[in-house]
Amino acid sequence: MTVLIVDDEPYMVEYMKKLVDWDSYGFGKVLTANGGSLAKDLIMQHKPELLITDIKMPQMDGLEMLANLEELGIKHKTIILSAYSEFEYARKAIKLGV
């Protein structure tokens, strides 16, 4: 399986990549992207089973990226990480199946 970690902060991407023993959970491939636009291309190429993303990112935020993936019909599970406490983000994420 493949996991894709997306965050506009490079240190967070590396931290998440090293935090978990991905192989032990069946993820043989760990991909990373420093933004939603870059992630969209990786998703189209690799169709990861798990997407871990930040909500607030420049150019394309995490929710916009998820909405695009829903339109494309790419099946995946998503975990959203965020330091923002605005409930509207959570509401939008729930509507997108997160």
Protein backbone atom coordinates (compact mmCIF):
# COMPACT_ATOMS: atom_id res chain seq x y z
CA MET A 1 0.00 0.00 0.00
CA THR A 2 0.96 3.64 -0.42
CA VAL A 3 0.66 6.61 1.94
CA LEU A 4 0.96 10.24 0.85
CA ILE A 5 1.87 12.92 3.42
CA VAL A 6 1.07 16.51 2.39
CA ASP A 7 2.02 19.69 4.26
CA ASP A 8 3.44 23.04 3.22
CA GLU A 9 5.94 22.84 6.10
CA PRO A 10 8.80 20.54 4.98
CA TYR A 11 9.79 19.69 8.56
CA MET A 12 6.25 18.37 9.27
CA VAL A 13 6.37 16.15 6.20
CA GLU A 14 9.69 14.66 7.29
CA TYR A 15 8.52 14.33 10.90
CA MET A 16 5.38 12.39 9.86
CA LYS A 17 7.41 10.23 7.49
CA LYS A 18 9.77 9.20 10.30
CA LEU A 19 7.22 9.13 13.15
CA VAL A 20 5.52 5.91 12.07
CA ASP A 21 6.96 2.53 11.11
CA TRP A 22 4.94 2.54 7.90
CA ASP A 23 6.15 -0.91 6.79
CA SER A 24 4.70 -2.50 9.92
CA TYR A 25 1.27 -1.19 8.89
CA GLY A 26 1.59 -2.50 5.34
CA PHE A 27 2.65 0.73 3.66
CA GLY A 28 5.59 -0.15 1.44
CA LYS A 29 5.69 3.24 -0.25
CA VAL A 30 5.71 6.61 1.57
CA LEU A 31 5.29 9.61 -0.72
CA THR A 32 5.52 13.25 0.34
CA ALA A 33 4.45 16.58 -1.13
CA ASN A 34 4.92 20.15 0.05
CA GLY A 35 1.52 21.38 -1.08
CA GLY A 36 -1.83 20.40 -2.55
CA SER A 37 -0.96 21.07 -6.18
CA LEU A 38 2.06 18.76 -6.01
CA ALA A 39 0.04 16.16 -4.12
CA LYS A 40 -2.68 16.07 -6.75
CA ASP A 41 -0.16 14.93 -9.38
CA LEU A 42 1.24 12.24 -7.06
CA ILE A 43 -2.26 11.00 -6.29
CA MET A 44 -3.07 10.68 -9.98
CA GLN A 45 0.12 8.70 -10.58
CA HIS A 46 0.21 6.47 -7.49
CA LYS A 47 -3.39 6.35 -6.16
CA PRO A 48 -2.39 6.09 -2.48
CA GLU A 49 -4.65 4.21 -0.10
CA LEU A 50 -3.99 6.73 2.70
CA LEU A 51 -3.67 10.51 2.47
CA ILE A 52 -2.44 12.55 5.45
CA THR A 53 -2.78 16.27 4.84
CA ASP A 54 -2.77 19.70 6.40
CA ILE A 55 -5.86 21.86 5.87
CA LYS A 56 -4.28 25.30 5.43
CA MET A 57 -1.77 25.42 2.58
CA PRO A 58 -1.05 28.05 -0.07
CA GLN A 59 -2.28 27.62 -3.66
CA MET A 60 -4.50 24.59 -2.93
CA ASP A 61 -5.60 23.84 0.62
CA GLY A 62 -6.26 20.35 1.90
CA LEU A 63 -10.05 20.58 1.59
CA GLU A 64 -9.88 21.84 -1.98
CA MET A 65 -7.51 19.00 -2.82
CA LEU A 66 -9.92 16.46 -1.29
CA ALA A 67 -12.87 17.93 -3.19
CA ASN A 68 -10.94 17.52 -6.46
CA LEU A 69 -10.14 13.90 -5.61
CA GLU A 70 -13.80 13.17 -4.87
CA GLU A 71 -14.70 14.55 -8.32
CA LEU A 72 -12.08 12.26 -9.90
CA GLY A 73 -13.45 9.24 -8.03
CA ILE A 74 -10.13 8.20 -6.48
CA LYS A 75 -10.79 5.96 -3.46
CA HIS A 76 -8.68 6.65 -0.38
CA LYS A 77 -8.79 7.17 3.36
CA THR A 78 -7.84 10.58 4.69
CA ILE A 79 -6.43 11.94 7.92
CA ILE A 80 -6.39 15.72 8.31
CA LEU A 81 -3.90 17.33 10.67
CA SER A 82 -4.35 20.95 11.62
CA ALA A 83 -3.59 23.45 14.34
CA TYR A 84 -6.69 25.47 13.36
CA SER A 85 -9.68 25.22 15.68
CA GLU A 86 -12.28 26.67 13.32
CA PHE A 87 -15.33 24.38 13.24
CA GLU A 88 -16.06 25.24 9.61
CA TYR A 89 -12.97 23.26 8.54
CA ALA A 90 -14.26 20.20 10.38
CA ARG A 91 -17.72 20.58 8.83
CA LYS A 92 -16.27 20.76 5.30
CA ALA A 93 -14.00 17.78 5.98
CA ILE A 94 -16.94 15.68 7.18
CA LYS A 95 -18.89 16.53 4.02
CA LEU A 96 -15.90 15.25 2.04
CA GLY A 97 -15.94 11.93 3.92
CA VAL A 98 -12.94 12.53 6.16
